[in-house]
Amino acid sequence: ILGCVAGAVVGELLRGAGLEGSVRSGFGALVGLLVGLVADLVVSITMIGLFLYWVWRG
């Protein structure tokens, strides 16, 4: 998680953006990572639920 944020901040700093823009970029990377994590979790739980429903239904 920290590597994603640090990479975004360092990349923006190397590109020449200011510190504020770099931190915003890092925050955006963190938010995107967390939203993706939640989406993966929801899809996984849905797939497990459907599998169990189909197995127990017969």
N, C-alpha and C. Protein backbone atom coordinates (compact mmCIF):
# COMPACT_ATOMS: atom_id res chain seq x y z
N ILE A 1 0.84 -1.19 0.00
CA ILE A 1 0.00 0.00 0.00
C ILE A 1 0.88 1.25 0.00
N LEU A 2 1.90 1.25 0.84
CA LEU A 2 2.76 2.42 0.91
C LEU A 2 3.57 2.60 -0.37
N GLY A 3 3.93 1.50 -1.02
CA GLY A 3 4.69 1.60 -2.26
C GLY A 3 3.90 2.28 -3.36
N CYS A 4 2.63 2.00 -3.42
CA CYS A 4 1.76 2.63 -4.42
C CYS A 4 1.69 4.13 -4.20
N VAL A 5 1.49 4.53 -2.96
CA VAL A 5 1.37 5.95 -2.63
C VAL A 5 2.72 6.64 -2.83
N ALA A 6 3.79 6.03 -2.32
CA ALA A 6 5.12 6.62 -2.45
C ALA A 6 5.53 6.73 -3.91
N GLY A 7 5.22 5.73 -4.70
CA GLY A 7 5.55 5.78 -6.12
C GLY A 7 4.83 6.90 -6.84
N ALA A 8 3.58 7.11 -6.51
CA ALA A 8 2.83 8.20 -7.13
C ALA A 8 3.40 9.56 -6.73
N VAL A 9 3.73 9.72 -5.45
CA VAL A 9 4.27 10.99 -4.97
C VAL A 9 5.63 11.25 -5.59
N VAL A 10 6.51 10.26 -5.56
CA VAL A 10 7.86 10.44 -6.12
C VAL A 10 7.79 10.67 -7.62
N GLY A 11 6.93 9.95 -8.30
CA GLY A 11 6.78 10.15 -9.74
C GLY A 11 6.33 11.56 -10.09
N GLU A 12 5.39 12.07 -9.33
CA GLU A 12 4.93 13.44 -9.57
C GLU A 12 6.02 14.46 -9.23
N LEU A 13 6.77 14.21 -8.18
CA LEU A 13 7.86 15.13 -7.84
C LEU A 13 8.94 15.13 -8.92
N LEU A 14 9.25 13.95 -9.45
CA LEU A 14 10.25 13.87 -10.53
C LEU A 14 9.75 14.53 -11.81
N ARG A 15 8.45 14.50 -12.00
CA ARG A 15 7.86 15.13 -13.19
C ARG A 15 7.92 16.65 -13.09
N GLY A 16 8.06 17.16 -11.89
CA GLY A 16 8.18 18.59 -11.71
C GLY A 16 6.98 19.23 -11.05
N ALA A 17 6.03 18.42 -10.62
CA ALA A 17 4.87 18.97 -9.92
C ALA A 17 5.28 19.40 -8.52
N GLY A 18 4.54 20.29 -7.94
CA GLY A 18 4.83 20.74 -6.58
C GLY A 18 4.47 19.67 -5.56
N LEU A 19 4.80 19.95 -4.33
CA LEU A 19 4.53 18.99 -3.26
C LEU A 19 3.03 18.76 -3.07
N GLU A 20 2.24 19.82 -3.17
CA GLU A 20 0.79 19.68 -2.99
C GLU A 20 0.19 18.78 -4.06
N GLY A 21 0.57 18.99 -5.31
CA GLY A 21 0.06 18.15 -6.39
C GLY A 21 0.53 16.72 -6.26
N SER A 22 1.74 16.53 -5.78
CA SER A 22 2.27 15.18 -5.61
C SER A 22 1.52 14.44 -4.51
N VAL A 23 1.22 15.13 -3.42
CA VAL A 23 0.48 14.50 -2.33
C VAL A 23 -0.94 14.18 -2.78
N ARG A 24 -1.54 15.06 -3.56
CA ARG A 24 -2.89 14.78 -4.09
C ARG A 24 -2.86 13.54 -4.98
N SER A 25 -1.81 13.41 -5.78
CA SER A 25 -1.68 12.24 -6.63
C SER A 25 -1.53 10.97 -5.80
N GLY A 26 -0.73 11.04 -4.75
CA GLY A 26 -0.57 9.90 -3.86
C GLY A 26 -1.86 9.53 -3.16
N PHE A 27 -2.62 10.55 -2.73
CA PHE A 27 -3.91 10.30 -2.09
C PHE A 27 -4.88 9.66 -3.08
N GLY A 28 -4.86 10.12 -4.32
CA GLY A 28 -5.71 9.52 -5.35
C GLY A 28 -5.35 8.07 -5.61
N ALA A 29 -4.05 7.78 -5.60
CA ALA A 29 -3.61 6.40 -5.78
C ALA A 29 -4.09 5.53 -4.61
N LEU A 30 -4.03 6.06 -3.40
CA LEU A 30 -4.49 5.32 -2.23
C LEU A 30 -5.99 5.07 -2.29
N VAL A 31 -6.75 6.08 -2.65
CA VAL A 31 -8.21 5.92 -2.76
C VAL A 31 -8.55 4.90 -3.84
N GLY A 32 -7.88 4.98 -4.97
CA GLY A 32 -8.12 4.01 -6.04
C GLY A 32 -7.78 2.59 -5.62
N LEU A 33 -6.70 2.44 -4.89
CA LEU A 33 -6.30 1.13 -4.40
C LEU A 33 -7.34 0.57 -3.44
N LEU A 34 -7.82 1.40 -2.52
CA LEU A 34 -8.81 0.94 -1.54
C LEU A 34 -10.15 0.62 -2.19
N VAL A 35 -10.57 1.43 -3.15
CA VAL A 35 -11.83 1.16 -3.86
C VAL A 35 -11.72 -0.15 -4.64
N GLY A 36 -10.59 -0.36 -5.28
CA GLY A 36 -10.37 -1.61 -6.00
C GLY A 36 -10.36 -2.81 -5.08
N LEU A 37 -9.78 -2.65 -3.90
CA LEU A 37 -9.75 -3.72 -2.92
C LEU A 37 -11.15 -4.09 -2.46
N VAL A 38 -11.97 -3.09 -2.18
CA VAL A 38 -13.35 -3.34 -1.76
C VAL A 38 -14.14 -3.99 -2.90
N ALA A 39 -13.94 -3.53 -4.12
CA ALA A 39 -14.65 -4.12 -5.26
C ALA A 39 -14.27 -5.59 -5.44
N ASP A 40 -12.97 -5.90 -5.32
CA ASP A 40 -12.54 -7.30 -5.42
C ASP A 40 -13.16 -8.15 -4.32
N LEU A 41 -13.23 -7.61 -3.13
CA LEU A 41 -13.82 -8.34 -2.01
C LEU A 41 -15.30 -8.62 -2.25
N VAL A 42 -16.02 -7.63 -2.75
CA VAL A 42 -17.46 -7.80 -3.02
C VAL A 42 -17.67 -8.85 -4.11
N VAL A 43 -16.88 -8.80 -5.16
CA VAL A 43 -17.02 -9.79 -6.23
C VAL A 43 -16.69 -11.19 -5.72
N SER A 44 -15.64 -11.31 -4.92
CA SER A 44 -15.26 -12.61 -4.38
C SER A 44 -16.34 -13.19 -3.49
N ILE A 45 -16.89 -12.38 -2.60
CA ILE A 45 -17.95 -12.86 -1.71
C ILE A 45 -19.19 -13.24 -2.51
N THR A 46 -19.50 -12.49 -3.55
CA THR A 46 -20.64 -12.81 -4.40
C THR A 46 -20.44 -14.15 -5.11
N MET A 47 -19.24 -14.37 -5.62
CA MET A 47 -18.95 -15.64 -6.30
C MET A 47 -19.04 -16.82 -5.35
N ILE A 48 -18.51 -16.66 -4.14
CA ILE A 48 -18.60 -17.73 -3.15
C ILE A 48 -20.05 -17.99 -2.78
N GLY A 49 -20.82 -16.92 -2.57
CA GLY A 49 -22.23 -17.08 -2.24
C GLY A 49 -23.01 -17.79 -3.33
N LEU A 50 -22.77 -17.42 -4.58
CA LEU A 50 -23.46 -18.09 -5.69
C LEU A 50 -23.07 -19.55 -5.78
N PHE A 51 -21.79 -19.84 -5.61
CA PHE A 51 -21.34 -21.23 -5.65
C PHE A 51 -22.02 -22.06 -4.57
N LEU A 52 -22.03 -21.54 -3.34
CA LEU A 52 -22.66 -22.28 -2.25
C LEU A 52 -24.16 -22.44 -2.48
N TYR A 53 -24.80 -21.43 -3.02
CA TYR A 53 -26.23 -21.52 -3.32
C TYR A 53 -26.50 -22.62 -4.35
N TRP A 54 -25.69 -22.65 -5.41
CA TRP A 54 -25.90 -23.65 -6.45
C TRP A 54 -25.58 -25.06 -5.96
N VAL A 55 -24.58 -25.21 -5.10
CA VAL A 55 -24.23 -26.53 -4.59
C VAL A 55 -25.32 -27.05 -3.66
N TRP A 56 -25.78 -26.22 -2.73
CA TRP A 56 -26.78 -26.67 -1.76
C TRP A 56 -28.17 -26.79 -2.37
N ARG A 57 -28.42 -26.06 -3.45
CA ARG A 57 -29.73 -26.14 -4.09
C ARG A 57 -29.88 -27.48 -4.80
N GLY A 58 -28.79 -27.98 -5.31
CA GLY A 58 -28.83 -29.29 -5.95
C GLY A 58 -28.84 -29.18 -7.37
